[in-house]
Protein backbone atom coordinates (compact mmCIF):
# COMPACT_ATOMS: atom_id res chain seq x y z
CA UNK A 1 -58.85 -10.45 101.72
CA UNK A 2 -56.85 -10.11 105.50
CA UNK A 3 -57.70 -12.96 107.43
CA UNK A 4 -56.67 -12.60 111.25
CA UNK A 5 -57.14 -15.09 114.12
CA UNK A 6 -56.82 -14.98 118.10
CA UNK A 7 -55.97 -16.81 120.59
CA UNK A 8 -56.69 -15.91 124.39
CA UNK A 9 -54.53 -18.68 126.82
CA UNK A 10 -55.53 -19.39 129.97
CA UNK A 11 -52.51 -20.28 132.38
CA UNK A 12 -53.02 -21.15 136.35
CA UNK A 13 -50.95 -17.49 137.70
CA UNK A 14 -49.08 -14.93 135.99
CA UNK A 15 -45.42 -16.28 137.34
CA UNK A 16 -46.82 -18.92 134.35
CA UNK A 17 -47.80 -16.95 132.10
CA UNK A 18 -44.98 -14.89 131.91
CA UNK A 19 -42.85 -17.89 131.73
CA UNK A 20 -44.92 -19.10 128.99
CA UNK A 21 -43.82 -15.70 127.26
CA UNK A 22 -40.41 -16.44 127.37
CA UNK A 23 -40.08 -19.57 125.98
CA UNK A 24 -42.45 -18.23 123.77
CA UNK A 25 -40.97 -14.79 121.90
CA UNK A 26 -37.73 -16.15 120.58
CA UNK A 27 -40.34 -18.04 117.51
CA UNK A 28 -42.93 -15.48 117.72
CA UNK A 29 -40.09 -12.57 116.52
CA UNK A 30 -39.73 -11.65 112.64
CA UNK A 31 -43.17 -12.99 110.93
CA UNK A 32 -42.56 -13.75 107.73
CA UNK A 33 -43.26 -10.48 105.42
CA UNK A 34 -46.65 -9.64 104.55
CA UNK A 35 -47.60 -11.16 108.04
CA UNK A 36 -48.65 -9.30 111.67
CA UNK A 37 -48.28 -11.68 115.22
CA UNK A 38 -48.23 -9.84 118.26
CA UNK A 39 -48.18 -11.55 121.52
CA UNK A 40 -49.24 -9.88 124.95
CA UNK A 41 -50.16 -10.84 128.05
CA UNK A 42 -51.50 -9.44 130.79
CA UNK A 43 -53.56 -11.29 134.70
CA UNK A 44 -53.46 -14.75 133.68
CA UNK A 45 -54.17 -14.49 130.48
CA UNK A 46 -52.00 -14.16 126.76
CA UNK A 47 -53.36 -13.18 123.88
CA UNK A 48 -51.63 -13.46 119.98
CA UNK A 49 -52.33 -11.66 117.30
CA UNK A 50 -51.94 -13.17 113.58
CA UNK A 51 -53.02 -11.24 110.65
CA UNK A 52 -51.97 -12.01 106.28
CA UNK A 53 -53.42 -12.10 103.39
CA UNK A 54 -52.95 -16.01 103.28
CA UNK A 55 -55.75 -17.61 105.30
CA UNK A 56 -53.36 -20.78 104.98
CA UNK A 57 -50.46 -18.57 106.32
CA UNK A 58 -52.75 -17.66 108.99
CA UNK A 59 -54.04 -20.81 110.12
CA UNK A 60 -50.12 -22.78 109.79
CA UNK A 61 -49.05 -20.37 112.37
CA UNK A 62 -52.30 -20.51 114.77
CA UNK A 63 -51.13 -24.54 115.29
CA UNK A 64 -47.91 -24.25 114.82
CA UNK A 65 -48.30 -21.72 118.58
CA UNK A 66 -51.49 -24.22 120.27
CA UNK A 67 -48.96 -26.37 119.58
CA UNK A 68 -45.57 -25.05 121.86
CA UNK A 69 -48.07 -24.02 124.01
CA UNK A 70 -49.65 -27.88 124.65
CA UNK A 71 -45.85 -29.03 124.89
CA UNK A 72 -44.95 -25.81 127.04
CA UNK A 73 -47.75 -27.35 128.98
CA UNK A 74 -46.64 -30.91 129.05
CA UNK A 75 -43.18 -29.54 130.32
CA UNK A 76 -44.80 -27.75 133.19
CA UNK A 77 -46.63 -29.72 134.81
CA UNK A 78 -43.59 -32.56 135.15
CA UNK A 79 -40.74 -30.43 135.63
CA UNK A 80 -43.66 -29.10 138.63
CA UNK A 81 -44.33 -32.98 139.25
CA UNK A 82 -41.29 -33.34 139.83
CA UNK A 83 -40.24 -30.36 142.59
CA UNK A 84 -43.27 -31.84 144.64
CA UNK A 85 -42.11 -35.07 144.58
CA UNK A 86 -38.60 -32.75 145.72
CA UNK A 87 -40.11 -31.41 148.42
CA UNK A 88 -41.72 -34.50 150.37
CA UNK A 89 -38.61 -36.37 150.19
């Protein structure tokens, strides 16, 4: 049996999508044996496709990606608000 999960992450614009992809790329290279992991982006969207014979592996990988995306979002928002405060002074 093969399990496949596709995740689509929508970013505010293509610049943010490219930065997110560059942050996630090192973590998402060299998938474990028997797993296929791909990441592709266009416009504002970043799509992940995870395939494996193990549903548990697919789900844990999808959750790890979602946690990384959430962390990126928090850091990105904090850095943007800091930049905004710096420009007002």
